[in-house]
């Protein structure tokens, strides 16, 4: 793995664990993909996940 791939992999793990700020998450996602539709999809997924966790 390249250094960039390792950095992105670590960032994705932190994103899933919820330890990234919104800005860090956005920067990570913009590096991983170029599709704005895909980014919007994951943006919505993160918001729904946070909402669901508040209910439980």
PDB file of N, CA and C in Angstrom:
ATOM      1  N   UNK A   1       0.832  -1.182   0.000  1.00  0.00           N
ATOM      2  CA  UNK A   1       0.000   0.000   0.000  1.00  0.00           C
ATOM      3  C   UNK A   1       0.877   1.245   0.000  1.00  0.00           C
ATOM      4  N   UNK A   2       0.405   2.230  -0.721  1.00  0.00           N
ATOM      5  CA  UNK A   2       1.125   3.502  -0.722  1.00  0.00           C
ATOM      6  C   UNK A   2       0.787   4.285   0.545  1.00  0.00           C
ATOM      7  N   UNK A   3       1.546   5.327   0.791  1.00  0.00           N
ATOM      8  CA  UNK A   3       1.296   6.168   1.969  1.00  0.00           C
ATOM      9  C   UNK A   3      -0.093   6.804   1.895  1.00  0.00           C
ATOM     10  N   UNK A   4      -0.495   7.239   0.693  1.00  0.00           N
ATOM     11  CA  UNK A   4      -1.817   7.849   0.534  1.00  0.00           C
ATOM     12  C   UNK A   4      -2.917   6.834   0.817  1.00  0.00           C
ATOM     13  N   UNK A   5      -2.756   5.607   0.321  1.00  0.00           N
ATOM     14  CA  UNK A   5      -3.762   4.566   0.573  1.00  0.00           C
ATOM     15  C   UNK A   5      -3.867   4.247   2.058  1.00  0.00           C
ATOM     16  N   UNK A   6      -2.735   4.192   2.740  1.00  0.00           N
ATOM     17  CA  UNK A   6      -2.755   3.950   4.187  1.00  0.00           C
ATOM     18  C   UNK A   6      -3.459   5.078   4.928  1.00  0.00           C
ATOM     19  N   UNK A   7      -3.158   6.313   4.532  1.00  0.00           N
ATOM     20  CA  UNK A   7      -3.793   7.477   5.166  1.00  0.00           C
ATOM     21  C   UNK A   7      -5.298   7.469   4.945  1.00  0.00           C
ATOM     22  N   UNK A   8      -5.724   7.154   3.712  1.00  0.00           N
ATOM     23  CA  UNK A   8      -7.153   7.111   3.413  1.00  0.00           C
ATOM     24  C   UNK A   8      -7.827   5.965   4.151  1.00  0.00           C
ATOM     25  N   UNK A   9      -7.172   4.814   4.245  1.00  0.00           N
ATOM     26  CA  UNK A   9      -7.741   3.672   4.970  1.00  0.00           C
ATOM     27  C   UNK A   9      -7.932   4.016   6.436  1.00  0.00           C
ATOM     28  N   UNK A  10      -6.927   4.643   7.042  1.00  0.00           N
ATOM     29  CA  UNK A  10      -7.042   5.062   8.445  1.00  0.00           C
ATOM     30  C   UNK A  10      -8.172   6.075   8.597  1.00  0.00           C
ATOM     31  N   UNK A  11      -8.264   7.008   7.653  1.00  0.00           N
ATOM     32  CA  UNK A  11      -9.331   8.001   7.706  1.00  0.00           C
ATOM     33  C   UNK A  11     -10.707   7.374   7.612  1.00  0.00           C
ATOM     34  N   UNK A  12     -10.858   6.373   6.750  1.00  0.00           N
ATOM     35  CA  UNK A  12     -12.152   5.689   6.609  1.00  0.00           C
ATOM     36  C   UNK A  12     -12.513   4.979   7.903  1.00  0.00           C
ATOM     37  N   UNK A  13     -11.558   4.319   8.537  1.00  0.00           N
ATOM     38  CA  UNK A  13     -11.820   3.666   9.823  1.00  0.00           C
ATOM     39  C   UNK A  13     -12.252   4.689  10.869  1.00  0.00           C
ATOM     40  N   UNK A  14     -11.582   5.838  10.900  1.00  0.00           N
ATOM     41  CA  UNK A  14     -11.959   6.886  11.853  1.00  0.00           C
ATOM     42  C   UNK A  14     -13.342   7.450  11.536  1.00  0.00           C
ATOM     43  N   UNK A  15     -13.660   7.552  10.243  1.00  0.00           N
ATOM     44  CA  UNK A  15     -14.980   8.033   9.841  1.00  0.00           C
ATOM     45  C   UNK A  15     -16.067   7.089  10.338  1.00  0.00           C
ATOM     46  N   UNK A  16     -15.851   5.801  10.144  1.00  0.00           N
ATOM     47  CA  UNK A  16     -16.836   4.808  10.577  1.00  0.00           C
ATOM     48  C   UNK A  16     -16.982   4.815  12.093  1.00  0.00           C
ATOM     49  N   UNK A  17     -15.898   5.015  12.798  1.00  0.00           N
ATOM     50  CA  UNK A  17     -15.943   5.054  14.266  1.00  0.00           C
ATOM     51  C   UNK A  17     -16.518   6.363  14.794  1.00  0.00           C
ATOM     52  N   UNK A  18     -16.674   7.341  13.909  1.00  0.00           N
ATOM     53  CA  UNK A  18     -17.240   8.622  14.331  1.00  0.00           C
ATOM     54  C   UNK A  18     -16.258   9.520  15.042  1.00  0.00           C
ATOM     55  N   UNK A  19     -14.951   9.350  14.785  1.00  0.00           N
ATOM     56  CA  UNK A  19     -13.958  10.155  15.480  1.00  0.00           C
ATOM     57  C   UNK A  19     -13.431  11.316  14.633  1.00  0.00           C
ATOM     58  N   UNK A  20     -13.987  11.521  13.460  1.00  0.00           N
ATOM     59  CA  UNK A  20     -13.582  12.641  12.618  1.00  0.00           C
ATOM     60  C   UNK A  20     -14.574  13.786  12.764  1.00  0.00           C
ATOM     61  N   UNK A  21     -14.090  14.997  12.621  1.00  0.00           N
ATOM     62  CA  UNK A  21     -14.994  16.136  12.581  1.00  0.00           C
ATOM     63  C   UNK A  21     -15.687  16.142  11.222  1.00  0.00           C
ATOM     64  N   UNK A  22     -16.723  16.952  11.092  1.00  0.00           N
ATOM     65  CA  UNK A  22     -17.435  17.042   9.815  1.00  0.00           C
ATOM     66  C   UNK A  22     -16.492  17.481   8.698  1.00  0.00           C
ATOM     67  N   UNK A  23     -15.651  18.458   8.981  1.00  0.00           N
ATOM     68  CA  UNK A  23     -14.714  18.965   7.979  1.00  0.00           C
ATOM     69  C   UNK A  23     -13.708  17.893   7.562  1.00  0.00           C
ATOM     70  N   UNK A  24     -13.191  17.147   8.543  1.00  0.00           N
ATOM     71  CA  UNK A  24     -12.246  16.064   8.234  1.00  0.00           C
ATOM     72  C   UNK A  24     -12.921  14.980   7.399  1.00  0.00           C
ATOM     73  N   UNK A  25     -14.179  14.678   7.736  1.00  0.00           N
ATOM     74  CA  UNK A  25     -14.923  13.671   6.979  1.00  0.00           C
ATOM     75  C   UNK A  25     -15.107  14.119   5.535  1.00  0.00           C
ATOM     76  N   UNK A  26     -15.472  15.378   5.352  1.00  0.00           N
ATOM     77  CA  UNK A  26     -15.690  15.906   4.007  1.00  0.00           C
ATOM     78  C   UNK A  26     -14.404  15.858   3.188  1.00  0.00           C
ATOM     79  N   UNK A  27     -13.288  16.254   3.812  1.00  0.00           N
ATOM     80  CA  UNK A  27     -12.002  16.227   3.115  1.00  0.00           C
ATOM     81  C   UNK A  27     -11.640  14.799   2.715  1.00  0.00           C
ATOM     82  N   UNK A  28     -11.832  13.858   3.632  1.00  0.00           N
ATOM     83  CA  UNK A  28     -11.537  12.458   3.341  1.00  0.00           C
ATOM     84  C   UNK A  28     -12.380  11.952   2.188  1.00  0.00           C
ATOM     85  N   UNK A  29     -13.677  12.199   2.249  1.00  0.00           N
ATOM     86  CA  UNK A  29     -14.564  11.717   1.189  1.00  0.00           C
ATOM     87  C   UNK A  29     -14.234  12.345  -0.151  1.00  0.00           C
ATOM     88  N   UNK A  30     -13.838  13.610  -0.153  1.00  0.00           N
ATOM     89  CA  UNK A  30     -13.501  14.255  -1.419  1.00  0.00           C
ATOM     90  C   UNK A  30     -12.216  13.678  -2.012  1.00  0.00           C
ATOM     91  N   UNK A  31     -11.340  13.145  -1.175  1.00  0.00           N
ATOM     92  CA  UNK A  31     -10.133  12.499  -1.674  1.00  0.00           C
ATOM     93  C   UNK A  31     -10.409  11.097  -2.190  1.00  0.00           C
ATOM     94  N   UNK A  32     -11.370  10.414  -1.583  1.00  0.00           N
ATOM     95  CA  UNK A  32     -11.655   9.025  -1.945  1.00  0.00           C
ATOM     96  C   UNK A  32     -12.429   8.950  -3.253  1.00  0.00           C
ATOM     97  N   UNK A  33     -13.370   9.826  -3.444  1.00  0.00           N
ATOM     98  CA  UNK A  33     -14.214   9.773  -4.644  1.00  0.00           C
ATOM     99  C   UNK A  33     -14.301  11.135  -5.309  1.00  0.00           C
ATOM    100  N   UNK A  34     -14.657  11.113  -6.559  1.00  0.00           N
ATOM    101  CA  UNK A  34     -14.865  12.363  -7.288  1.00  0.00           C
ATOM    102  C   UNK A  34     -16.341  12.608  -7.574  1.00  0.00           C
ATOM    103  N   UNK A  35     -17.171  11.600  -7.343  1.00  0.00           N
ATOM    104  CA  UNK A  35     -18.590  11.698  -7.647  1.00  0.00           C
ATOM    105  C   UNK A  35     -19.331  12.461  -6.553  1.00  0.00           C
ATOM    106  N   UNK A  36     -19.903  13.598  -6.904  1.00  0.00           N
ATOM    107  CA  UNK A  36     -20.662  14.377  -5.929  1.00  0.00           C
ATOM    108  C   UNK A  36     -21.904  13.622  -5.456  1.00  0.00           C
ATOM    109  N   UNK A  37     -22.491  12.808  -6.333  1.00  0.00           N
ATOM    110  CA  UNK A  37     -23.657  12.021  -5.940  1.00  0.00           C
ATOM    111  C   UNK A  37     -23.279  11.025  -4.847  1.00  0.00           C
ATOM    112  N   UNK A  38     -22.116  10.388  -4.988  1.00  0.00           N
ATOM    113  CA  UNK A  38     -21.672   9.415  -3.993  1.00  0.00           C
ATOM    114  C   UNK A  38     -21.410  10.105  -2.666  1.00  0.00           C
ATOM    115  N   UNK A  39     -20.787  11.274  -2.728  1.00  0.00           N
ATOM    116  CA  UNK A  39     -20.509  12.023  -1.504  1.00  0.00           C
ATOM    117  C   UNK A  39     -21.817  12.415  -0.820  1.00  0.00           C
ATOM    118  N   UNK A  40     -22.801  12.864  -1.584  1.00  0.00           N
ATOM    119  CA  UNK A  40     -24.103  13.228  -1.007  1.00  0.00           C
ATOM    120  C   UNK A  40     -24.772  12.024  -0.365  1.00  0.00           C
ATOM    121  N   UNK A  41     -24.644  10.867  -0.994  1.00  0.00           N
ATOM    122  CA  UNK A  41     -25.218   9.645  -0.434  1.00  0.00           C
ATOM    123  C   UNK A  41     -24.620   9.364   0.938  1.00  0.00           C
ATOM    124  N   UNK A  42     -23.294   9.404   1.045  1.00  0.00           N
ATOM    125  CA  UNK A  42     -22.640   9.113   2.318  1.00  0.00           C
ATOM    126  C   UNK A  42     -22.878  10.213   3.336  1.00  0.00           C
ATOM    127  N   UNK A  43     -23.022  11.420   2.880  1.00  0.00           N
ATOM    128  CA  UNK A  43     -23.342  12.525   3.771  1.00  0.00           C
ATOM    129  C   UNK A  43     -24.678  12.249   4.453  1.00  0.00           C
ATOM    130  N   UNK A  44     -25.663  11.824   3.670  1.00  0.00           N
ATOM    131  CA  UNK A  44     -26.975  11.488   4.211  1.00  0.00           C
ATOM    132  C   UNK A  44     -26.897  10.278   5.135  1.00  0.00           C
ATOM    133  N   UNK A  45     -26.115   9.268   4.764  1.00  0.00           N
ATOM    134  CA  UNK A  45     -25.948   8.080   5.603  1.00  0.00           C
ATOM    135  C   UNK A  45     -25.386   8.455   6.971  1.00  0.00           C
ATOM    136  N   UNK A  46     -24.394   9.326   7.002  1.00  0.00           N
ATOM    137  CA  UNK A  46     -23.786   9.739   8.265  1.00  0.00           C
ATOM    138  C   UNK A  46     -24.809  10.478   9.118  1.00  0.00           C
ATOM    139  N   UNK A  47     -25.575  11.374   8.506  1.00  0.00           N
ATOM    140  CA  UNK A  47     -26.591  12.111   9.255  1.00  0.00           C
ATOM    141  C   UNK A  47     -27.653  11.179   9.831  1.00  0.00           C
ATOM    142  N   UNK A  48     -28.092  10.200   9.033  1.00  0.00           N
ATOM    143  CA  UNK A  48     -29.076   9.239   9.520  1.00  0.00           C
ATOM    144  C   UNK A  48     -28.513   8.380  10.641  1.00  0.00           C
ATOM    145  N   UNK A  49     -27.254   7.980  10.522  1.00  0.00           N
ATOM    146  CA  UNK A  49     -26.609   7.186  11.555  1.00  0.00           C
ATOM    147  C   UNK A  49     -26.546   7.962  12.864  1.00  0.00           C
ATOM    148  N   UNK A  50     -26.170   9.239  12.797  1.00  0.00           N
ATOM    149  CA  UNK A  50     -26.106  10.075  13.994  1.00  0.00           C
ATOM    150  C   UNK A  50     -27.495  10.247  14.616  1.00  0.00           C
ATOM    151  N   UNK A  51     -28.501  10.433  13.780  1.00  0.00           N
ATOM    152  CA  UNK A  51     -29.874  10.586  14.262  1.00  0.00           C
ATOM    153  C   UNK A  51     -30.338   9.306  14.955  1.00  0.00           C
ATOM    154  N   UNK A  52     -30.084   8.171  14.322  1.00  0.00           N
ATOM    155  CA  UNK A  52     -30.489   6.878  14.888  1.00  0.00           C
ATOM    156  C   UNK A  52     -29.807   6.652  16.244  1.00  0.00           C
ATOM    157  N   UNK A  53     -28.533   6.986  16.348  1.00  0.00           N
ATOM    158  CA  UNK A  53     -27.809   6.787  17.609  1.00  0.00           C
ATOM    159  C   UNK A  53     -28.357   7.671  18.720  1.00  0.00           C
ATOM    160  N   UNK A  54     -28.883   8.835  18.375  1.00  0.00           N
ATOM    161  CA  UNK A  54     -29.471   9.707  19.397  1.00  0.00           C
ATOM    162  C   UNK A  54     -30.768   9.131  19.934  1.00  0.00           C
ATOM    163  N   UNK A  55     -31.473   8.358  19.099  1.00  0.00           N
ATOM    164  CA  UNK A  55     -32.733   7.781  19.530  1.00  0.00           C
ATOM    165  C   UNK A  55     -32.532   6.605  20.479  1.00  0.00           C
ATOM    166  N   UNK A  56     -31.408   5.957  20.385  1.00  0.00           N
ATOM    167  CA  UNK A  56     -31.157   4.760  21.211  1.00  0.00           C
ATOM    168  C   UNK A  56     -30.363   5.068  22.424  1.00  0.00           C
TER     169      UNK A  56
END
